[in-house]
Every structure is written in C-alpha cells, then in structure tokens.
Amino acid sequence: MHEMGIAMQIAEIAVASIPEELQHSRVKRVNLKVGKLSAVVTDSLRFCFEVVTRETPLEGAVLAVEEIPVTARCKDCRHEWTIDSPVFSCSRCSSGAVELLSGRELDIESIEIAEEDG
C-alpha cells in the first residue's frame, strides 16, 4: 500500500517544518490537499499517518484531507469544466485536446500547532 510511504513523507515534511522555537509543541492538525487522480485512499492514508506519527511531535494530530476535483480546459475552445466521469473529452466541443488543471495534487497545505497552556 503506497499510502504508508506517503504518510511517512508527510510526517517527515511536517516535523521538519516545525519552527525551531516550537520544537516541543504539539501539532494538532496537518491540512492536506489530495487530487482525485492521485490514487490515494484517504481512509488508508489516515490510518497510516496515525501509525507513523506515534511517539513523534505529530502523535494525535488530525490529518485533514481536502479532496480536489479533476478540472480540465479544452485546448481548442478553452472551455473549463469539472470531470465527473472517466471521459476526457471536452464537454462543449467533444475535442480530445484536454489539459488537466487540477486533480493530481498531493500537497501539505498547512500545519497547525496547539497553543501552549499558560
């Protein structure tokens, strides 16, 4: 399952992104954008993230996943639309000259650090 490798990379990047002055703080949330074409099973990714973050600053953090739809632009008529089926031709002119605008993302959008009790 490639979700384990992805979870490991997310954890590594997130831990490395914690500012030095906040190294002992708890991360409460990692916000991720995942395109529908990225072939990531969200529930599996969350499970793997929970496993790989044990005994790290990310332990207990929520992996919040925003699914990004597949959008395209026709290179012939410039029409843009959201693709809802496995047909990759222009919904207006039926051209096969299609450029994907979104749907392949796999990005860490942000990391939220818990406020320290004071």
N, C-alpha and C. Protein backbone atom coordinates (compact mmCIF):
# COMPACT_ATOMS: atom_id res chain seq x y z
N MET A 1 0.86 -1.17 0.00
CA MET A 1 0.00 0.00 0.00
C MET A 1 0.90 1.23 0.00
N HIS A 2 0.77 2.05 -1.02
CA HIS A 2 1.63 3.22 -1.13
C HIS A 2 1.24 4.34 -0.16
N GLU A 3 0.09 4.22 0.48
CA GLU A 3 -0.32 5.22 1.46
C GLU A 3 0.66 5.28 2.64
N MET A 4 1.29 4.15 2.98
CA MET A 4 2.26 4.14 4.09
C MET A 4 3.46 5.02 3.73
N GLY A 5 3.96 4.89 2.53
CA GLY A 5 5.08 5.73 2.09
C GLY A 5 4.70 7.20 2.05
N ILE A 6 3.49 7.48 1.60
CA ILE A 6 3.02 8.87 1.56
C ILE A 6 2.90 9.42 2.98
N ALA A 7 2.33 8.62 3.89
CA ALA A 7 2.18 9.05 5.29
C ALA A 7 3.55 9.33 5.91
N MET A 8 4.53 8.49 5.61
CA MET A 8 5.88 8.69 6.14
C MET A 8 6.47 10.00 5.62
N GLN A 9 6.27 10.29 4.34
CA GLN A 9 6.78 11.54 3.77
C GLN A 9 6.08 12.76 4.37
N ILE A 10 4.76 12.67 4.54
CA ILE A 10 4.01 13.77 5.16
C ILE A 10 4.54 14.03 6.56
N ALA A 11 4.73 12.98 7.34
CA ALA A 11 5.23 13.13 8.72
C ALA A 11 6.62 13.75 8.72
N GLU A 12 7.48 13.28 7.83
CA GLU A 12 8.85 13.81 7.76
C GLU A 12 8.85 15.29 7.41
N ILE A 13 8.06 15.66 6.41
CA ILE A 13 7.99 17.07 5.99
C ILE A 13 7.38 17.92 7.10
N ALA A 14 6.32 17.43 7.72
CA ALA A 14 5.65 18.20 8.77
C ALA A 14 6.56 18.43 9.96
N VAL A 15 7.27 17.40 10.41
CA VAL A 15 8.18 17.56 11.55
C VAL A 15 9.30 18.54 11.20
N ALA A 16 9.83 18.43 9.99
CA ALA A 16 10.90 19.34 9.56
C ALA A 16 10.41 20.78 9.43
N SER A 17 9.10 20.96 9.27
CA SER A 17 8.54 22.31 9.08
C SER A 17 8.22 23.02 10.38
N ILE A 18 8.31 22.33 11.50
CA ILE A 18 8.02 22.97 12.79
C ILE A 18 9.15 23.94 13.11
N PRO A 19 8.83 25.21 13.32
CA PRO A 19 9.89 26.18 13.64
C PRO A 19 10.67 25.76 14.88
N GLU A 20 11.95 26.09 14.90
CA GLU A 20 12.83 25.67 15.98
C GLU A 20 12.31 26.09 17.36
N GLU A 21 11.75 27.30 17.45
CA GLU A 21 11.27 27.78 18.75
C GLU A 21 9.99 27.04 19.20
N LEU A 22 9.40 26.25 18.32
CA LEU A 22 8.19 25.50 18.66
C LEU A 22 8.42 23.99 18.64
N GLN A 23 9.68 23.56 18.66
CA GLN A 23 10.02 22.14 18.55
C GLN A 23 9.36 21.26 19.61
N HIS A 24 9.06 21.81 20.77
CA HIS A 24 8.47 21.00 21.83
C HIS A 24 6.95 21.17 21.92
N SER A 25 6.38 21.80 20.93
CA SER A 25 4.93 21.98 20.89
C SER A 25 4.28 20.78 20.23
N ARG A 26 2.99 20.65 20.46
CA ARG A 26 2.23 19.56 19.87
C ARG A 26 1.57 20.04 18.59
N VAL A 27 1.69 19.24 17.54
CA VAL A 27 1.00 19.53 16.29
C VAL A 27 -0.42 18.99 16.43
N LYS A 28 -1.41 19.84 16.17
CA LYS A 28 -2.78 19.37 16.33
C LYS A 28 -3.45 19.00 15.01
N ARG A 29 -2.92 19.51 13.89
CA ARG A 29 -3.59 19.24 12.62
C ARG A 29 -2.62 19.44 11.46
N VAL A 30 -2.69 18.53 10.49
CA VAL A 30 -1.96 18.68 9.24
C VAL A 30 -3.01 18.73 8.14
N ASN A 31 -3.03 19.83 7.40
CA ASN A 31 -4.02 20.03 6.34
C ASN A 31 -3.41 19.65 5.00
N LEU A 32 -4.08 18.74 4.33
CA LEU A 32 -3.57 18.16 3.09
C LEU A 32 -4.57 18.36 1.97
N LYS A 33 -4.07 18.61 0.76
CA LYS A 33 -4.91 18.66 -0.43
C LYS A 33 -4.55 17.46 -1.29
N VAL A 34 -5.57 16.66 -1.64
CA VAL A 34 -5.36 15.45 -2.41
C VAL A 34 -6.28 15.46 -3.62
N GLY A 35 -5.70 15.41 -4.81
CA GLY A 35 -6.48 15.37 -6.04
C GLY A 35 -7.10 14.00 -6.25
N LYS A 36 -8.26 13.99 -6.89
CA LYS A 36 -8.97 12.73 -7.13
C LYS A 36 -8.17 11.78 -8.01
N LEU A 37 -7.26 12.29 -8.82
CA LEU A 37 -6.45 11.43 -9.69
C LEU A 37 -5.16 10.96 -9.03
N SER A 38 -4.93 11.32 -7.78
CA SER A 38 -3.68 10.96 -7.12
C SER A 38 -3.63 9.51 -6.66
N ALA A 39 -4.74 8.80 -6.78
CA ALA A 39 -4.83 7.37 -6.41
C ALA A 39 -4.52 7.13 -4.94
N VAL A 40 -4.93 8.05 -4.09
CA VAL A 40 -4.73 7.91 -2.65
C VAL A 40 -6.07 7.54 -2.02
N VAL A 41 -6.06 6.49 -1.21
CA VAL A 41 -7.25 6.09 -0.46
C VAL A 41 -7.17 6.82 0.88
N THR A 42 -8.04 7.79 1.06
CA THR A 42 -7.98 8.70 2.20
C THR A 42 -8.02 7.98 3.54
N ASP A 43 -8.92 7.02 3.71
CA ASP A 43 -9.01 6.30 4.98
C ASP A 43 -7.72 5.53 5.28
N SER A 44 -7.14 4.93 4.24
CA SER A 44 -5.87 4.21 4.43
C SER A 44 -4.75 5.18 4.80
N LEU A 45 -4.75 6.35 4.15
CA LEU A 45 -3.73 7.35 4.45
C LEU A 45 -3.84 7.82 5.89
N ARG A 46 -5.05 8.06 6.35
CA ARG A 46 -5.24 8.49 7.75
C ARG A 46 -4.76 7.42 8.72
N PHE A 47 -5.07 6.16 8.44
CA PHE A 47 -4.63 5.07 9.30
C PHE A 47 -3.10 5.01 9.33
N CYS A 48 -2.48 5.07 8.17
CA CYS A 48 -1.02 5.01 8.09
C CYS A 48 -0.38 6.20 8.79
N PHE A 49 -0.98 7.39 8.65
CA PHE A 49 -0.48 8.59 9.32
C PHE A 49 -0.51 8.40 10.83
N GLU A 50 -1.60 7.82 11.32
CA GLU A 50 -1.70 7.57 12.77
C GLU A 50 -0.60 6.63 13.23
N VAL A 51 -0.30 5.61 12.44
CA VAL A 51 0.74 4.64 12.80
C VAL A 51 2.13 5.28 12.79
N VAL A 52 2.46 6.01 11.73
CA VAL A 52 3.83 6.54 11.60
C VAL A 52 4.09 7.73 12.51
N THR A 53 3.05 8.35 13.04
CA THR A 53 3.27 9.52 13.90
C THR A 53 3.33 9.19 15.39
N ARG A 54 3.19 7.92 15.73
CA ARG A 54 3.30 7.54 17.14
C ARG A 54 4.69 7.91 17.67
N GLU A 55 4.70 8.48 18.87
CA GLU A 55 5.94 8.89 19.53
C GLU A 55 6.72 9.94 18.73
N THR A 56 5.99 10.80 18.04
CA THR A 56 6.59 11.94 17.33
C THR A 56 5.81 13.19 17.75
N PRO A 57 6.28 14.38 17.38
CA PRO A 57 5.51 15.59 17.68
C PRO A 57 4.14 15.62 17.00
N LEU A 58 3.91 14.71 16.06
CA LEU A 58 2.64 14.65 15.34
C LEU A 58 1.64 13.68 15.96
N GLU A 59 2.06 12.97 17.00
CA GLU A 59 1.15 11.98 17.60
C GLU A 59 -0.14 12.65 18.04
N GLY A 60 -1.25 12.08 17.61
CA GLY A 60 -2.57 12.61 17.95
C GLY A 60 -3.06 13.70 17.02
N ALA A 61 -2.22 14.14 16.09
CA ALA A 61 -2.63 15.18 15.15
C ALA A 61 -3.67 14.63 14.18
N VAL A 62 -4.59 15.48 13.79
CA VAL A 62 -5.60 15.14 12.81
C VAL A 62 -5.01 15.36 11.42
N LEU A 63 -5.21 14.39 10.53
CA LEU A 63 -4.84 14.56 9.13
C LEU A 63 -6.11 14.96 8.41
N ALA A 64 -6.24 16.26 8.12
CA ALA A 64 -7.43 16.79 7.45
C ALA A 64 -7.18 16.78 5.95
N VAL A 65 -8.02 16.07 5.23
CA VAL A 65 -7.82 15.91 3.79
C VAL A 65 -8.92 16.62 3.02
N GLU A 66 -8.51 17.55 2.16
CA GLU A 66 -9.44 18.21 1.25
C GLU A 66 -9.27 17.57 -0.12
N GLU A 67 -10.33 16.97 -0.62
CA GLU A 67 -10.26 16.32 -1.93
C GLU A 67 -10.47 17.36 -3.03
N ILE A 68 -9.54 17.39 -3.97
CA ILE A 68 -9.58 18.35 -5.07
C ILE A 68 -10.16 17.66 -6.30
N PRO A 69 -11.21 18.24 -6.89
CA PRO A 69 -11.82 17.62 -8.06
C PRO A 69 -10.91 17.72 -9.29
N VAL A 70 -11.22 16.90 -10.27
CA VAL A 70 -10.49 16.94 -11.54
C VAL A 70 -11.14 18.01 -12.41
N THR A 71 -10.36 19.03 -12.75
CA THR A 71 -10.86 20.06 -13.66
C THR A 71 -9.96 20.09 -14.89
N ALA A 72 -10.58 20.47 -16.00
CA ALA A 72 -9.86 20.46 -17.27
C ALA A 72 -10.21 21.68 -18.10
N ARG A 73 -9.36 21.93 -19.09
CA ARG A 73 -9.59 23.01 -20.05
C ARG A 73 -9.37 22.43 -21.44
N CYS A 74 -10.29 22.73 -22.33
CA CYS A 74 -10.15 22.31 -23.72
C CYS A 74 -9.13 23.21 -24.41
N LYS A 75 -8.16 22.62 -25.08
CA LYS A 75 -7.15 23.40 -25.77
C LYS A 75 -7.69 24.02 -27.05
N ASP A 76 -8.82 23.51 -27.53
CA ASP A 76 -9.41 24.04 -28.77
C ASP A 76 -10.37 25.20 -28.50
N CYS A 77 -11.36 24.98 -27.62
CA CYS A 77 -12.37 26.04 -27.39
C CYS A 77 -12.20 26.77 -26.07
N ARG A 78 -11.20 26.36 -25.25
CA ARG A 78 -10.84 26.99 -23.97
C ARG A 78 -11.90 26.82 -22.88
N HIS A 79 -12.89 25.98 -23.10
CA HIS A 79 -13.93 25.71 -22.09
C HIS A 79 -13.29 24.98 -20.90
N GLU A 80 -13.68 25.36 -19.68
CA GLU A 80 -13.21 24.70 -18.45
C GLU A 80 -14.39 24.03 -17.77
N TRP A 81 -14.15 22.83 -17.21
CA TRP A 81 -15.20 22.09 -16.54
C TRP A 81 -14.60 21.10 -15.55
N THR A 82 -15.47 20.59 -14.68
CA THR A 82 -15.09 19.55 -13.72
C THR A 82 -15.43 18.21 -14.34
N ILE A 83 -14.46 17.31 -14.33
CA ILE A 83 -14.66 15.98 -14.90
C ILE A 83 -15.24 15.07 -13.83
N ASP A 84 -16.42 14.52 -14.11
CA ASP A 84 -17.10 13.65 -13.16
C ASP A 84 -17.10 12.19 -13.59
N SER A 85 -16.63 11.90 -14.80
CA SER A 85 -16.62 10.53 -15.31
C SER A 85 -15.27 10.28 -15.98
N PRO A 86 -14.99 9.04 -16.33
CA PRO A 86 -13.68 8.74 -16.93
C PRO A 86 -13.57 9.16 -18.40
N VAL A 87 -14.42 10.04 -18.86
CA VAL A 87 -14.36 10.53 -20.24
C VAL A 87 -13.57 11.84 -20.25
N PHE A 88 -12.44 11.83 -20.96
CA PHE A 88 -11.58 13.00 -21.00
C PHE A 88 -11.67 13.67 -22.37
N SER A 89 -12.86 14.15 -22.69
CA SER A 89 -13.05 14.95 -23.89
C SER A 89 -13.88 16.16 -23.49
N CYS A 90 -13.77 17.22 -24.26
CA CYS A 90 -14.43 18.48 -23.94
C CYS A 90 -15.94 18.30 -23.86
N SER A 91 -16.51 18.80 -22.77
CA SER A 91 -17.95 18.69 -22.59
C SER A 91 -18.72 19.65 -23.49
N ARG A 92 -18.02 20.58 -24.14
CA ARG A 92 -18.68 21.53 -25.04
C ARG A 92 -18.50 21.15 -26.50
N CYS A 93 -17.23 20.91 -26.93
CA CYS A 93 -16.98 20.68 -28.36
C CYS A 93 -16.53 19.25 -28.68
N SER A 94 -16.40 18.40 -27.66
CA SER A 94 -16.00 16.99 -27.79
C SER A 94 -14.56 16.77 -28.24
N SER A 95 -13.75 17.80 -28.23
CA SER A 95 -12.34 17.67 -28.59
C SER A 95 -11.62 16.80 -27.55
N GLY A 96 -10.64 16.07 -28.02
CA GLY A 96 -9.82 15.27 -27.12
C GLY A 96 -8.58 16.02 -26.66
N ALA A 97 -8.42 17.26 -27.11
CA ALA A 97 -7.26 18.08 -26.73
C ALA A 97 -7.55 18.73 -25.38
N VAL A 98 -7.33 17.98 -24.32
CA VAL A 98 -7.72 18.39 -22.98
C VAL A 98 -6.48 18.59 -22.11
N GLU A 99 -6.47 19.67 -21.37
CA GLU A 99 -5.39 19.96 -20.42
C GLU A 99 -5.96 19.85 -19.01
N LEU A 100 -5.33 19.04 -18.16
CA LEU A 100 -5.79 18.93 -16.77
C LEU A 100 -5.30 20.12 -15.97
N LEU A 101 -6.22 20.76 -15.25
CA LEU A 101 -5.89 21.92 -14.43
C LEU A 101 -5.72 21.54 -12.96
N SER A 102 -6.46 20.55 -12.51
CA SER A 102 -6.35 20.09 -11.13
C SER A 102 -6.79 18.64 -11.04
N GLY A 103 -6.44 18.03 -9.92
CA GLY A 103 -6.85 16.66 -9.68
C GLY A 103 -5.69 15.73 -9.39
N ARG A 104 -4.46 16.21 -9.59
CA ARG A 104 -3.28 15.38 -9.32
C ARG A 104 -2.51 15.84 -8.09
N GLU A 105 -3.06 16.78 -7.35
CA GLU A 105 -2.38 17.35 -6.18
C GLU A 105 -2.15 16.32 -5.07
N LEU A 106 -1.09 16.53 -4.36
CA LEU A 106 -0.82 15.84 -3.10
C LEU A 106 0.10 16.79 -2.33
N ASP A 107 -0.52 17.78 -1.68
CA ASP A 107 0.21 18.89 -1.07
C ASP A 107 -0.15 19.07 0.39
N ILE A 108 0.86 19.33 1.21
CA ILE A 108 0.61 19.77 2.58
C ILE A 108 0.29 21.26 2.49
N GLU A 109 -0.94 21.60 2.86
CA GLU A 109 -1.39 22.99 2.78
C GLU A 109 -0.90 23.78 3.99
N SER A 110 -1.01 23.19 5.19
CA SER A 110 -0.57 23.88 6.41
C SER A 110 -0.46 22.88 7.56
N ILE A 111 0.22 23.35 8.61
CA ILE A 111 0.38 22.57 9.82
C ILE A 111 -0.04 23.47 10.98
N GLU A 112 -0.92 22.98 11.82
CA GLU A 112 -1.41 23.76 12.95
C GLU A 112 -0.79 23.26 14.24
N ILE A 113 -0.19 24.18 14.98
CA ILE A 113 0.45 23.87 16.25
C ILE A 113 -0.52 24.22 17.38
N ALA A 114 -0.65 23.33 18.36
CA ALA A 114 -1.52 23.58 19.51
C ALA A 114 -0.93 24.71 20.36
N GLU A 115 -1.81 25.55 20.86
CA GLU A 115 -1.36 26.61 21.76
C GLU A 115 -0.94 25.99 23.08
N GLU A 116 0.14 26.53 23.63
CA GLU A 116 0.61 26.04 24.92
C GLU A 116 -0.28 26.53 26.03
N ASP A 117 -0.53 25.66 27.02
CA ASP A 117 -1.31 26.08 28.18
C ASP A 117 -0.47 27.06 29.01
N GLY A 118 -1.10 28.13 29.42
CA GLY A 118 -0.29 29.10 30.02
C GLY A 118 -0.46 29.56 31.34
